[in-house]
N, C-alpha and C. Protein backbone atom coordinates (compact mmCIF):
# COMPACT_ATOMS: atom_id res chain seq x y z
N MET A 1 111.69 63.95 177.73
CA MET A 1 110.70 63.46 178.74
C MET A 1 111.55 62.74 179.96
N LEU A 2 112.52 61.89 179.57
CA LEU A 2 113.29 61.30 180.54
C LEU A 2 114.15 62.36 181.44
N GLY A 3 114.51 63.26 180.75
CA GLY A 3 115.07 64.63 181.73
C GLY A 3 114.14 65.11 182.71
N LYS A 4 112.81 65.22 182.23
CA LYS A 4 112.02 65.80 183.24
C LYS A 4 111.56 65.02 184.38
N ILE A 5 111.57 63.76 183.96
CA ILE A 5 111.26 62.69 185.18
C ILE A 5 112.53 62.68 186.04
N ALA A 6 113.69 62.48 185.59
CA ALA A 6 114.88 62.65 186.35
C ALA A 6 115.01 63.99 187.49
N GLN A 7 114.56 65.02 186.71
CA GLN A 7 114.51 66.28 187.53
C GLN A 7 113.48 66.27 188.56
N ALA A 8 112.32 65.73 188.29
CA ALA A 8 111.13 65.47 189.15
C ALA A 8 111.68 64.47 190.43
N GLY A 9 112.44 63.59 190.09
CA GLY A 9 112.93 62.74 191.14
C GLY A 9 113.81 63.32 191.98
N ARG A 10 114.69 64.16 191.43
CA ARG A 10 115.72 65.00 192.25
C ARG A 10 114.93 65.88 193.30
N TYR A 11 113.97 66.68 192.68
CA TYR A 11 113.02 67.47 193.54
C TYR A 11 112.43 66.56 194.66
N LEU A 12 111.86 65.47 194.34
CA LEU A 12 111.04 64.67 195.14
C LEU A 12 112.07 64.11 196.26
N GLY A 13 113.32 63.76 195.90
CA GLY A 13 114.34 63.30 196.98
C GLY A 13 114.74 64.47 197.73
N GLN A 14 114.90 65.73 197.18
CA GLN A 14 115.19 66.92 198.13
C GLN A 14 114.10 67.22 199.01
N SER A 15 113.06 67.18 198.46
CA SER A 15 111.84 67.48 199.43
C SER A 15 111.73 66.64 200.51
N MET A 16 111.93 65.43 200.31
CA MET A 16 111.90 64.20 201.45
C MET A 16 112.89 64.39 202.41
N ARG A 17 114.16 64.67 201.90
CA ARG A 17 115.28 65.02 202.85
C ARG A 17 115.04 66.22 203.62
N LEU A 18 114.41 67.29 203.17
CA LEU A 18 114.18 68.47 203.80
C LEU A 18 112.93 68.11 205.03
N MET A 19 111.85 67.26 204.48
CA MET A 19 110.84 67.04 205.50
C MET A 19 111.23 66.27 206.66
N VAL A 20 112.34 65.47 206.52
CA VAL A 20 112.87 64.78 207.76
C VAL A 20 114.13 65.29 208.37
N GLY A 21 114.35 66.43 207.66
CA GLY A 21 115.45 67.38 208.34
C GLY A 21 117.05 66.93 208.00
N LEU A 22 117.16 66.22 206.97
CA LEU A 22 118.39 65.95 206.49
C LEU A 22 118.85 67.29 205.50
N PRO A 23 120.11 67.68 206.08
CA PRO A 23 120.46 68.96 205.37
C PRO A 23 121.21 68.51 203.79
N GLU A 24 121.05 69.53 203.01
CA GLU A 24 121.62 69.41 201.49
C GLU A 24 122.93 70.16 201.56
N TYR A 25 123.97 69.11 201.57
CA TYR A 25 125.46 69.46 201.51
C TYR A 25 125.67 70.06 200.18
N ASP A 26 125.04 69.63 199.01
CA ASP A 26 125.46 70.25 197.73
C ASP A 26 124.90 71.57 197.45
N THR A 27 123.75 71.95 198.23
CA THR A 27 123.32 73.15 198.23
C THR A 27 124.12 74.28 198.84
N TYR A 28 124.55 73.74 200.08
CA TYR A 28 125.57 74.43 200.86
C TYR A 28 126.87 74.90 200.11
N LEU A 29 127.49 73.85 199.42
CA LEU A 29 128.82 74.04 198.60
C LEU A 29 128.32 75.05 197.52
N ALA A 30 127.07 74.93 196.81
CA ALA A 30 126.73 75.85 195.66
C ALA A 30 126.70 77.17 196.18
N HIS A 31 126.03 77.38 197.58
CA HIS A 31 126.01 78.75 198.00
C HIS A 31 127.33 79.37 198.33
N MET A 32 128.21 78.62 198.92
CA MET A 32 129.36 78.99 199.41
C MET A 32 130.29 79.40 198.23
N GLU A 33 130.38 78.65 196.99
CA GLU A 33 130.94 78.99 195.88
C GLU A 33 130.42 80.29 195.28
N LYS A 34 129.21 80.57 195.10
CA LYS A 34 128.57 81.64 194.71
C LYS A 34 128.58 82.96 195.35
N THR A 35 128.26 82.74 196.80
CA THR A 35 128.35 83.99 197.78
C THR A 35 129.62 84.27 198.40
N HIS A 36 130.28 83.29 198.96
CA HIS A 36 131.48 83.43 199.48
C HIS A 36 132.81 82.85 198.81
N PRO A 37 133.04 83.09 197.59
CA PRO A 37 134.11 82.46 197.02
C PRO A 37 135.52 82.67 197.80
N GLY A 38 136.17 81.70 197.77
CA GLY A 38 137.55 81.67 198.43
C GLY A 38 137.62 81.53 200.04
N GLU A 39 136.47 81.59 200.53
CA GLU A 39 136.18 81.38 202.04
C GLU A 39 136.47 79.77 202.20
N PRO A 40 136.94 79.41 203.49
CA PRO A 40 136.96 77.75 203.70
C PRO A 40 135.44 77.27 203.81
N VAL A 41 135.48 75.93 203.46
CA VAL A 41 134.10 75.31 203.43
C VAL A 41 134.15 74.17 204.33
N MET A 42 133.21 73.89 205.19
CA MET A 42 133.11 72.93 205.99
C MET A 42 133.02 71.56 205.25
N SER A 43 133.61 70.66 205.94
CA SER A 43 133.59 69.09 205.49
C SER A 43 131.99 68.71 205.59
N TYR A 44 131.87 67.70 205.16
CA TYR A 44 130.44 67.05 205.35
C TYR A 44 130.06 66.92 206.71
N GLU A 45 130.96 66.32 207.45
CA GLU A 45 130.70 65.98 208.96
C GLU A 45 130.57 67.35 209.70
N GLU A 46 131.39 68.48 209.47
CA GLU A 46 131.12 69.69 210.09
C GLU A 46 129.90 70.34 209.48
N PHE A 47 129.46 70.20 208.50
CA PHE A 47 128.22 70.66 207.99
C PHE A 47 127.04 70.02 208.81
N PHE A 48 127.07 68.62 208.62
CA PHE A 48 125.96 68.08 209.38
C PHE A 48 125.96 68.17 210.80
N ARG A 49 126.95 68.40 211.45
CA ARG A 49 127.05 68.70 212.95
C ARG A 49 126.25 70.09 213.22
N GLU A 50 126.59 70.97 212.38
CA GLU A 50 126.31 72.52 212.48
C GLU A 50 124.78 72.43 212.18
N ARG A 51 124.42 71.91 211.20
CA ARG A 51 122.93 71.74 210.87
C ARG A 51 122.02 71.17 211.98
N GLN A 52 122.45 69.97 212.66
CA GLN A 52 121.90 69.37 213.73
C GLN A 52 121.90 70.29 214.99
N GLU A 53 122.77 71.10 215.09
CA GLU A 53 123.07 71.90 216.29
C GLU A 53 122.07 73.14 216.08
N ALA A 54 121.96 73.71 214.77
CA ALA A 54 120.91 74.60 214.38
C ALA A 54 119.39 74.21 214.72
N ARG A 55 119.29 73.00 214.29
CA ARG A 55 117.83 72.43 214.27
C ARG A 55 117.43 72.07 215.48
N TYR A 56 118.24 71.57 216.46
CA TYR A 56 117.90 71.15 217.73
C TYR A 56 118.34 71.86 218.89
N GLY A 57 118.94 72.98 218.38
CA GLY A 57 119.26 73.92 219.47
C GLY A 57 120.52 73.82 220.33
N SER A 58 121.61 74.51 220.02
CA SER A 58 122.90 74.47 220.81
C SER A 58 123.15 75.73 221.43
N GLY A 59 122.27 76.72 221.15
CA GLY A 59 122.29 78.12 221.53
C GLY A 59 123.20 78.87 220.59
N LYS A 60 123.81 78.30 219.55
CA LYS A 60 124.52 79.06 218.48
C LYS A 60 123.72 79.30 217.31
N ARG A 61 123.68 80.37 216.64
CA ARG A 61 122.99 80.71 215.47
C ARG A 61 124.18 80.60 214.30
N PRO A 62 123.68 80.23 213.01
CA PRO A 62 124.60 80.39 211.85
C PRO A 62 124.99 81.81 211.74
N SER A 63 126.16 82.09 211.17
CA SER A 63 126.74 83.40 210.97
C SER A 63 126.30 83.91 209.64
N CYS A 64 125.99 83.01 208.66
CA CYS A 64 125.75 83.51 207.29
C CYS A 64 124.50 83.78 206.80
N CYS A 65 124.40 84.84 206.04
CA CYS A 65 123.31 85.40 205.59
C CYS A 65 122.20 85.37 206.41
């Protein structure tokens, strides 16, 4: 029961971050590890900057997937 409550809390937190536009760095890391093993990974600061540019428009598009 406690595990389900903790999982629901994580989902709620993730949903709220997505609603306000905060990127999920852990999701990015898991994606890179699974889909692009051995390739360089952005630091949190680089990731955050890239997500902000993608959201608010810098003219660049992400090159992945």
